[in-house]
Amino acid sequence: MSQHILVLGCGPAAAVTSLGLQHLGYRVTVLGLLRPYPVTEGISDRVYQALASSGLHSALETVSPPVARSAIWNGTSRRANTERLLFRPVFDAAVLDDLRNQGVRVEQVRVHSFAAADQRVVKTIAGGQLRNWQADFVVDARGRAAGRHSAGLAKLERVRGPETVSLACCWDSDPNAAFSAVVSVEEGWLWLARTATGRLFTQFTTRASQLDLATKSDIPALIAARLESVTPGALPVANLVNASAPLARSSTAILVDNPVQDGYIRIGDAAMAVDPLSGNGIFQSLSSALVAPAVINTILRRPEDAELARQFYRRRLHHLFYRFARIGRDFYQSESRWESSSFWRDRRCWPDQLAVHPERDTVLGTAPRPVLNEGFIELKSVLLTADQPLGIWRVDGREVTRQQM
C-alpha cells in the first residue's frame, strides 16, 4: 500500500500540495475546516495560471475577470495594471470540490493537536468526537493558526517583522465597475476591492500598538474615518452603507526558521507569511506548496538525500521571505510623507537596506546546489549570479530554471 500523508488545512497551498503528492503516488487525506471570514483577495494572472496548472478548475470559475488596479500613494494616483478578485469562502469551498473530484479524501474536521513520534499522530474533533489519524508524513498548511509548538518537534524559532494588524469589513455601495486599490494614509494603508454589484471589501493595515478598539464593532467606523481622509474624488466609491463582517487579524511578516523536520513540513503561511503590502499572499503560499511534494518525496523515497531536500526547502523560503520583505520596504520608502509616523518609519528600514536586485547582475561561477528534478530534489551544477544566489540550472539546451522562482 502507498504511503499515507496527512495535510492539515484546506486552503490553496494545502490543495496544490495535496494534488502534487497524489500525482507522485501517495495516499492523501486533507483535514481542516473552511475559514468563515468573508475576505476578498486579489491574484495576478501568474497565480491564476499556476492554480490552473495544478488542477483547481472549479475554484477558478469563482474568480473574477481582470479588474483595474490602482495605487493612491505619496499624494499621487496611478494605474497599476490589473488583478483578479476572489471571495475566499466561495473560492475555498470550490477548492475542496476540486480535491474530491480528483480523488483526494477531504475531512471537514478541526485539528486538535499533532504529535511527532515513530508514527505521526493528528487528533481531530468533529461533532464532539475526538479521532486519531496516523500517517507517514504530515503537511501543516493551517496558516498562522499552526502556532509554534507540536509535541515531539523542535521549538520553532521565528523571524518577525514590525508588528502589524489588518482590520476589515464589507459594505454596500453604488454599483459601478469592479476595481481594486491600495491607498496610503497617515497611520497605515487601505486596500479596497469592489465587485460590479457594488459589494466593497475594505481592509486597513496599521501598527498593532496604535489601535484603540473596544470591540470589533468599532472597526467599520475606524475604516470609514480613514476613507474620509483620502482626497475627495480620488476613490470611485460612494454611499457606503450596511457595514458587516468586521474582522481583525495579524498580518505581521513571519518566517519559521526550521519549517521541515522529521516527518513534518510547513507550507504557505504556516511557514512564511509576508506583509500583505507586497500583494503576494497566495503567490508566496504557492512558492512553497509547489515544491513541497518533491521535498517530501525525496525524504520518503530517497532518505539518503533527505538533508539535501530539507536544505533546499529552508534556503528557498529564507531567500523568498527576504526578497518579498525588501519589495515591501521599497514600496514603504516610496511614501515620503508622515516622517514622524512610527508605522512608516519602522517599515522603511525593515528588514535591512540591501537592494532587492543588484544594479548590475554578475556571474559568480558554478557550484553544486540542490534543485527540483522530476519529482525529487537532486544535487546539480548551477550557475550562480549576484541576482540569482540560489542558482540557475540548465535543464536542456533551450530552457533555464531559476531556482528561486
Protein backbone atom coordinates (compact mmCIF):
# COMPACT_ATOMS: atom_id res chain seq x y z
CA MET A 1 0.00 0.00 0.00
CA SER A 2 1.24 3.52 -0.82
CA GLN A 3 2.41 5.75 1.99
CA HIS A 4 -0.16 7.97 3.67
CA ILE A 5 0.22 11.73 4.04
CA LEU A 6 -1.99 13.99 6.14
CA VAL A 7 -2.43 17.60 5.04
CA LEU A 8 -3.68 19.93 7.77
CA GLY A 9 -5.65 22.87 6.36
CA CYS A 10 -7.76 23.31 3.26
CA GLY A 11 -6.67 26.50 1.52
CA PRO A 12 -4.90 26.89 -1.85
CA ALA A 13 -1.48 25.83 -0.53
CA ALA A 14 -2.93 22.67 1.04
CA ALA A 15 -4.77 21.83 -2.16
CA VAL A 16 -1.82 22.34 -4.51
CA THR A 17 0.47 20.23 -2.31
CA SER A 18 -2.19 17.52 -1.94
CA LEU A 19 -2.64 17.18 -5.69
CA GLY A 20 1.12 17.18 -6.23
CA LEU A 21 1.57 14.38 -3.70
CA GLN A 22 -1.28 12.37 -5.21
CA HIS A 23 0.36 12.62 -8.64
CA LEU A 24 3.51 11.18 -7.09
CA GLY A 25 1.55 8.14 -5.92
CA TYR A 26 0.80 8.94 -2.27
CA ARG A 27 -2.48 8.48 -0.41
CA VAL A 28 -3.51 11.92 0.78
CA THR A 29 -6.07 12.94 3.38
CA VAL A 30 -6.91 16.61 3.90
CA LEU A 31 -8.07 17.59 7.41
CA GLY A 32 -9.43 21.04 8.13
CA LEU A 33 -12.30 23.49 8.29
CA LEU A 34 -13.14 26.20 5.80
CA ARG A 35 -12.39 29.72 7.03
CA PRO A 36 -15.61 31.57 7.91
CA TYR A 37 -14.19 35.02 7.18
CA PRO A 38 -15.81 36.92 4.25
CA VAL A 39 -12.48 38.10 2.85
CA THR A 40 -11.84 39.25 -0.72
CA GLU A 41 -8.33 38.83 -2.14
CA GLY A 42 -6.59 39.63 -5.39
CA ILE A 43 -4.36 37.40 -7.51
CA SER A 44 -2.20 38.05 -10.55
CA ASP A 45 -2.50 36.23 -13.87
CA ARG A 46 0.66 34.34 -12.91
CA VAL A 47 -1.04 32.91 -9.82
CA TYR A 48 -4.19 32.21 -11.84
CA GLN A 49 -2.17 30.15 -14.32
CA ALA A 50 -0.34 28.30 -11.55
CA LEU A 51 -3.66 27.32 -9.94
CA ALA A 52 -5.00 26.20 -13.32
CA SER A 53 -1.89 24.08 -13.94
CA SER A 54 -2.40 22.45 -10.55
CA GLY A 55 -5.93 21.34 -11.50
CA LEU A 56 -8.08 23.75 -9.45
CA HIS A 57 -10.50 24.39 -12.30
CA SER A 58 -13.75 24.62 -10.29
CA ALA A 59 -12.14 27.09 -7.92
CA LEU A 60 -11.00 29.30 -10.77
CA GLU A 61 -14.56 29.50 -12.08
CA THR A 62 -15.31 31.60 -8.96
CA VAL A 63 -12.54 34.11 -9.74
CA SER A 64 -13.38 37.39 -11.47
CA PRO A 65 -12.01 38.52 -14.83
CA PRO A 66 -9.12 41.01 -14.53
CA VAL A 67 -10.18 44.29 -12.90
CA ALA A 68 -8.47 47.67 -12.86
CA ARG A 69 -5.97 48.08 -10.01
CA SER A 70 -4.73 51.48 -8.86
CA ALA A 71 -2.43 52.95 -6.23
CA ILE A 72 -3.02 56.23 -4.44
CA TRP A 73 0.38 56.66 -2.86
CA ASN A 74 2.58 59.55 -1.80
CA GLY A 75 -0.08 62.03 -2.87
CA THR A 76 -0.40 60.76 -6.44
CA SER A 77 -2.70 58.31 -8.18
CA ARG A 78 -1.60 55.84 -10.84
CA ARG A 79 -2.93 52.81 -12.64
CA ALA A 80 -1.14 49.62 -11.59
CA ASN A 81 -2.28 47.13 -14.28
CA THR A 82 -4.89 44.54 -13.26
CA GLU A 83 -5.64 41.69 -10.88
CA ARG A 84 -8.39 39.09 -10.43
CA LEU A 85 -10.63 39.13 -7.36
CA LEU A 86 -11.78 36.11 -5.41
CA PHE A 87 -14.15 35.78 -2.46
CA ARG A 88 -12.38 33.33 -0.18
CA PRO A 89 -15.40 31.44 1.29
CA VAL A 90 -16.72 30.59 -2.20
CA PHE A 91 -13.27 30.02 -3.65
CA ASP A 92 -12.16 27.74 -0.78
CA ALA A 93 -15.33 25.64 -0.98
CA ALA A 94 -14.70 25.13 -4.71
CA VAL A 95 -11.08 24.15 -3.94
CA LEU A 96 -12.39 21.27 -1.83
CA ASP A 97 -14.72 20.24 -4.67
CA ASP A 98 -11.68 20.09 -6.96
CA LEU A 99 -9.86 17.87 -4.48
CA ARG A 100 -12.77 15.48 -4.09
CA ASN A 101 -13.33 15.35 -7.85
CA GLN A 102 -9.71 14.27 -8.29
CA GLY A 103 -9.88 11.55 -5.66
CA VAL A 104 -8.31 13.27 -2.65
CA ARG A 105 -10.00 12.41 0.63
CA VAL A 106 -11.27 15.52 2.42
CA GLU A 107 -12.49 15.50 6.04
CA GLN A 108 -14.09 18.67 7.42
CA VAL A 109 -12.79 18.47 10.99
CA ARG A 110 -10.98 20.74 13.42
CA VAL A 111 -7.37 19.81 14.09
CA HIS A 112 -6.93 19.47 17.85
CA SER A 113 -3.25 18.53 18.17
CA PHE A 114 -0.30 16.94 16.42
CA ALA A 115 2.43 14.74 17.90
CA ALA A 116 5.59 13.65 16.08
CA ALA A 117 6.67 10.17 17.12
CA ASP A 118 7.55 6.97 15.26
CA GLN A 119 4.05 7.34 13.79
CA ARG A 120 2.82 10.87 13.21
CA VAL A 121 -0.50 11.23 15.09
CA VAL A 122 -3.01 14.00 14.47
CA LYS A 123 -6.05 14.40 16.72
CA THR A 124 -9.18 15.98 15.27
CA ILE A 125 -12.60 16.94 16.62
CA ALA A 126 -15.89 16.75 14.74
CA GLY A 127 -19.35 16.61 16.26
CA GLY A 128 -17.81 16.44 19.71
CA GLN A 129 -15.91 13.27 18.82
CA LEU A 130 -12.12 13.01 19.14
CA ARG A 131 -10.36 10.93 16.49
CA ASN A 132 -6.74 9.89 15.93
CA TRP A 133 -5.17 9.87 12.46
CA GLN A 134 -1.81 8.28 11.69
CA ALA A 135 0.38 8.96 8.70
CA ASP A 136 3.88 8.56 7.27
CA PHE A 137 4.21 12.33 6.89
CA VAL A 138 2.30 15.46 7.97
CA VAL A 139 1.97 18.67 5.96
CA ASP A 140 0.95 21.68 8.05
CA ALA A 141 -0.95 24.20 5.92
CA ARG A 142 -3.03 25.82 8.68
CA GLY A 143 -1.64 29.28 8.06
CA ARG A 144 -0.87 31.45 11.07
CA ALA A 145 -3.13 29.19 13.15
CA ALA A 146 -0.44 26.49 13.04
CA GLY A 147 1.22 28.02 16.12
CA ARG A 148 4.77 27.40 17.30
CA HIS A 149 4.69 24.10 19.18
CA SER A 150 3.87 20.48 18.39
CA ALA A 151 4.75 17.54 20.62
CA GLY A 152 7.95 15.82 19.56
CA LEU A 153 9.18 18.66 17.35
CA ALA A 154 11.99 21.10 17.99
CA LYS A 155 10.84 24.55 19.09
CA LEU A 156 10.06 26.65 16.05
CA GLU A 157 12.06 29.87 16.14
CA ARG A 158 10.67 32.67 14.00
CA VAL A 159 11.81 35.88 12.37
CA ARG A 160 9.18 38.61 12.79
CA GLY A 161 8.75 41.90 11.02
CA PRO A 162 7.16 45.01 12.59
CA GLU A 163 4.02 44.03 14.49
CA THR A 164 1.10 44.63 12.16
CA VAL A 165 -2.66 44.10 12.23
CA SER A 166 -5.27 44.29 9.47
CA LEU A 167 -8.86 45.37 10.14
CA ALA A 168 -11.52 44.59 7.56
CA CYS A 169 -15.23 44.87 6.83
CA CYS A 170 -17.64 44.77 3.91
CA TRP A 171 -20.02 47.47 2.66
CA ASP A 172 -22.79 48.01 0.16
CA SER A 173 -22.00 50.86 -2.23
CA ASP A 174 -23.28 52.25 -5.51
CA PRO A 175 -22.90 49.60 -8.26
CA ASN A 176 -20.14 50.51 -10.68
CA ALA A 177 -17.16 48.95 -12.42
CA ALA A 178 -15.23 46.43 -10.37
CA PHE A 179 -11.84 47.68 -9.17
CA SER A 180 -9.16 47.32 -6.54
CA ALA A 181 -6.88 49.93 -4.99
CA VAL A 182 -4.19 50.42 -2.38
CA VAL A 183 -4.21 53.79 -0.58
CA SER A 184 -1.70 55.22 1.89
CA VAL A 185 -2.94 57.13 4.94
CA GLU A 186 -1.10 58.55 7.94
CA GLU A 187 -1.47 55.54 10.24
CA GLY A 188 -1.08 52.82 7.59
CA TRP A 189 -2.71 51.85 4.32
CA LEU A 190 -6.04 50.69 2.91
CA TRP A 191 -6.87 48.00 0.37
CA LEU A 192 -10.24 48.13 -1.35
CA ALA A 193 -11.87 45.66 -3.72
CA ARG A 194 -15.32 46.17 -5.23
CA THR A 195 -17.36 43.80 -7.35
CA ALA A 196 -19.61 45.04 -10.15
CA THR A 197 -22.63 44.58 -7.84
CA GLY A 198 -21.28 47.28 -5.52
CA ARG A 199 -20.13 44.96 -2.71
CA LEU A 200 -16.99 46.62 -1.32
CA PHE A 201 -14.35 44.91 0.82
CA THR A 202 -12.11 47.28 2.78
CA GLN A 203 -9.03 46.46 4.81
CA PHE A 204 -6.95 48.84 6.92
CA THR A 205 -3.43 47.70 7.83
CA THR A 206 -1.72 49.51 10.68
CA ARG A 207 0.69 49.21 13.59
CA ALA A 208 -0.69 46.77 16.16
CA SER A 209 0.09 49.01 19.15
CA GLN A 210 -1.68 52.00 17.57
CA LEU A 211 -5.15 50.52 17.87
CA ASP A 212 -7.70 51.66 20.41
CA LEU A 213 -10.64 49.35 19.78
CA ALA A 214 -13.14 48.32 22.41
CA THR A 215 -14.81 45.66 20.22
CA LYS A 216 -14.82 44.53 16.61
CA SER A 217 -18.00 46.55 16.12
CA ASP A 218 -15.78 49.67 16.18
CA ILE A 219 -13.92 48.57 13.04
CA PRO A 220 -16.34 49.98 10.39
CA ALA A 221 -16.24 53.47 11.94
CA LEU A 222 -12.44 53.35 12.14
CA ILE A 223 -12.16 52.34 8.47
CA ALA A 224 -14.74 54.94 7.40
CA ALA A 225 -12.71 57.67 9.11
CA ARG A 226 -9.60 56.63 7.16
CA LEU A 227 -11.54 56.59 3.89
CA GLU A 228 -12.72 60.13 4.61
CA SER A 229 -9.10 61.25 4.96
CA VAL A 230 -8.40 60.33 1.33
CA THR A 231 -8.60 63.20 -1.17
CA PRO A 232 -12.28 63.63 -2.18
CA GLY A 233 -12.95 62.03 -5.55
CA ALA A 234 -9.72 60.03 -5.54
CA LEU A 235 -11.57 56.78 -4.87
CA PRO A 236 -14.50 55.63 -7.04
CA VAL A 237 -16.70 54.74 -4.06
CA ALA A 238 -19.74 56.49 -2.66
CA ASN A 239 -22.69 55.96 -0.35
CA LEU A 240 -21.20 53.22 1.81
CA VAL A 241 -23.92 51.55 3.89
CA ASN A 242 -24.64 48.30 5.74
CA ALA A 243 -21.16 47.66 7.09
CA SER A 244 -20.83 43.99 8.00
CA ALA A 245 -18.45 41.18 8.97
CA PRO A 246 -15.81 43.21 10.88
CA LEU A 247 -12.58 41.27 11.23
CA ALA A 248 -9.20 41.81 12.91
CA ARG A 249 -6.23 39.59 12.09
CA SER A 250 -2.48 39.66 12.42
CA SER A 251 -0.53 40.46 9.27
CA THR A 252 2.98 40.62 10.73
CA ALA A 253 5.59 39.16 8.39
CA ILE A 254 6.83 35.84 9.84
CA LEU A 255 9.43 33.29 8.76
CA VAL A 256 9.71 29.93 10.54
CA ASP A 257 13.40 29.14 10.85
CA ASN A 258 13.04 25.35 10.67
CA PRO A 259 9.95 24.59 8.53
CA VAL A 260 10.79 20.95 7.76
CA GLN A 261 11.61 18.35 10.43
CA ASP A 262 11.31 14.62 10.84
CA GLY A 263 8.04 13.58 9.21
CA TYR A 264 6.69 17.14 9.21
CA ILE A 265 6.74 20.16 6.89
CA ARG A 266 5.11 23.58 6.99
CA ILE A 267 3.86 25.24 3.82
CA GLY A 268 2.13 28.51 2.94
CA ASP A 269 1.56 31.00 5.75
CA ALA A 270 2.39 28.31 8.32
CA ALA A 271 5.99 28.51 7.09
CA MET A 272 6.29 32.03 5.75
CA ALA A 273 3.79 34.88 5.88
CA VAL A 274 4.67 38.15 4.16
CA ASP A 275 3.46 41.71 4.65
CA PRO A 276 0.22 42.00 2.63
CA LEU A 277 1.52 45.20 1.03
CA SER A 278 3.58 43.05 -1.34
CA GLY A 279 0.31 41.76 -2.80
CA ASN A 280 1.81 38.29 -2.92
CA GLY A 281 -0.17 36.37 -0.28
CA ILE A 282 -1.39 33.44 -2.37
CA PHE A 283 1.66 33.67 -4.64
CA GLN A 284 4.06 33.16 -1.75
CA SER A 285 1.90 30.29 -0.46
CA LEU A 286 2.24 28.58 -3.82
CA SER A 287 6.01 29.16 -3.83
CA SER A 288 6.28 26.59 -1.03
CA ALA A 289 3.30 24.42 -2.00
CA LEU A 290 4.60 23.74 -5.50
CA VAL A 291 7.96 22.39 -4.29
CA ALA A 292 6.82 20.66 -1.10
CA PRO A 293 5.75 17.41 -2.88
CA ALA A 294 9.26 16.93 -4.28
CA VAL A 295 10.82 17.69 -0.89
CA ILE A 296 8.56 15.13 0.81
CA ASN A 297 9.06 12.61 -1.99
CA THR A 298 12.84 12.84 -1.60
CA ILE A 299 12.70 12.47 2.18
CA LEU A 300 10.47 9.39 2.00
CA ARG A 301 11.84 7.60 -1.07
CA ARG A 302 15.47 8.70 -1.07
CA PRO A 303 16.31 9.04 2.61
CA GLU A 304 20.00 9.35 1.77
CA ASP A 305 19.10 12.74 0.22
CA ALA A 306 16.74 13.84 2.99
CA GLU A 307 19.06 16.51 4.39
CA LEU A 308 19.66 17.83 0.88
CA ALA A 309 15.88 18.23 0.43
CA ARG A 310 15.50 19.95 3.80
CA GLN A 311 18.38 22.29 2.96
CA PHE A 312 16.78 23.14 -0.40
CA TYR A 313 13.45 23.98 1.24
CA ARG A 314 14.88 26.07 4.09
CA ARG A 315 17.14 28.11 1.80
CA ARG A 316 14.36 28.70 -0.71
CA LEU A 317 11.91 30.02 1.89
CA HIS A 318 14.58 32.17 3.54
CA HIS A 319 15.51 33.71 0.20
CA LEU A 320 11.90 34.37 -0.83
CA PHE A 321 10.96 35.83 2.54
CA TYR A 322 13.67 38.46 2.42
CA ARG A 323 13.02 39.23 -1.23
CA PHE A 324 9.33 39.85 -0.51
CA ALA A 325 10.26 41.88 2.60
CA ARG A 326 12.60 44.13 0.60
CA ILE A 327 9.97 44.67 -2.09
CA GLY A 328 7.56 45.82 0.61
CA ARG A 329 10.25 48.01 2.22
CA ASP A 330 10.88 49.81 -1.07
CA PHE A 331 7.17 50.45 -1.51
CA TYR A 332 7.01 51.88 2.01
CA GLN A 333 10.01 54.07 1.23
CA SER A 334 8.22 55.47 -1.82
CA GLU A 335 5.70 57.08 0.55
CA SER A 336 7.74 60.06 1.78
CA ARG A 337 5.10 61.85 3.88
CA TRP A 338 4.47 61.39 7.62
CA GLU A 339 8.11 61.32 8.70
CA SER A 340 7.07 61.31 12.37
CA SER A 341 4.79 58.27 11.99
CA SER A 342 6.22 55.19 13.69
CA PHE A 343 4.23 52.98 11.30
CA TRP A 344 6.06 54.30 8.25
CA ARG A 345 9.43 54.80 9.96
CA ASP A 346 9.65 51.18 11.14
CA ARG A 347 8.73 49.71 7.77
CA ARG A 348 11.02 51.91 5.68
CA CYS A 349 14.07 50.27 7.25
CA TRP A 350 12.98 46.64 7.73
CA PRO A 351 14.41 44.06 7.17
CA ASP A 352 17.63 45.82 6.05
CA GLN A 353 18.90 48.19 3.37
CA LEU A 354 20.06 45.60 0.86
CA ALA A 355 18.74 46.05 -2.67
CA VAL A 356 16.05 43.68 -3.98
CA HIS A 357 18.11 43.33 -7.13
CA PRO A 358 21.74 44.40 -7.66
CA GLU A 359 22.22 47.32 -10.03
CA ARG A 360 24.15 45.02 -12.31
CA ASP A 361 23.93 41.25 -12.29
CA THR A 362 27.29 39.49 -12.32
CA VAL A 363 28.26 35.86 -12.75
CA LEU A 364 29.82 34.40 -9.61
CA GLY A 365 30.64 30.99 -11.04
CA THR A 366 29.22 27.48 -10.87
CA ALA A 367 28.66 25.26 -7.86
CA PRO A 368 26.66 22.17 -6.87
CA ARG A 369 23.26 23.12 -5.44
CA PRO A 370 20.01 21.22 -4.73
CA VAL A 371 17.41 21.62 -7.49
CA LEU A 372 13.98 20.19 -8.27
CA ASN A 373 14.12 17.48 -10.94
CA GLU A 374 11.35 15.05 -11.92
CA GLY A 375 9.70 14.93 -8.52
CA PHE A 376 12.93 14.79 -6.47
CA ILE A 377 15.48 17.19 -5.03
CA GLU A 378 18.85 16.44 -6.58
CA LEU A 379 22.32 17.98 -6.46
CA LYS A 380 23.26 19.61 -9.77
CA SER A 381 25.81 22.09 -11.01
CA VAL A 382 24.18 25.52 -11.27
CA LEU A 383 25.22 28.97 -12.41
CA LEU A 384 25.40 31.45 -9.54
CA THR A 385 24.88 35.18 -10.13
CA ALA A 386 24.54 38.17 -7.84
CA ASP A 387 20.79 38.33 -8.55
CA GLN A 388 20.25 34.56 -8.53
CA PRO A 389 22.10 33.33 -5.41
CA LEU A 390 20.19 30.03 -5.39
CA GLY A 391 21.46 29.33 -8.86
CA ILE A 392 20.27 28.91 -12.43
CA TRP A 393 20.13 25.33 -13.61
CA ARG A 394 20.19 24.42 -17.32
CA VAL A 395 17.58 21.76 -17.90
CA ASP A 396 18.39 21.30 -21.59
CA GLY A 397 19.87 23.32 -24.42
CA ARG A 398 16.93 25.70 -24.54
CA GLU A 399 15.49 26.05 -21.06
CA VAL A 400 16.91 27.57 -17.90
CA THR A 401 15.24 27.26 -14.49
CA ARG A 402 15.78 29.91 -11.82
CA GLN A 403 15.73 28.11 -8.52
CA GLN A 404 14.06 30.89 -6.52
CA MET A 405 11.03 31.29 -8.76
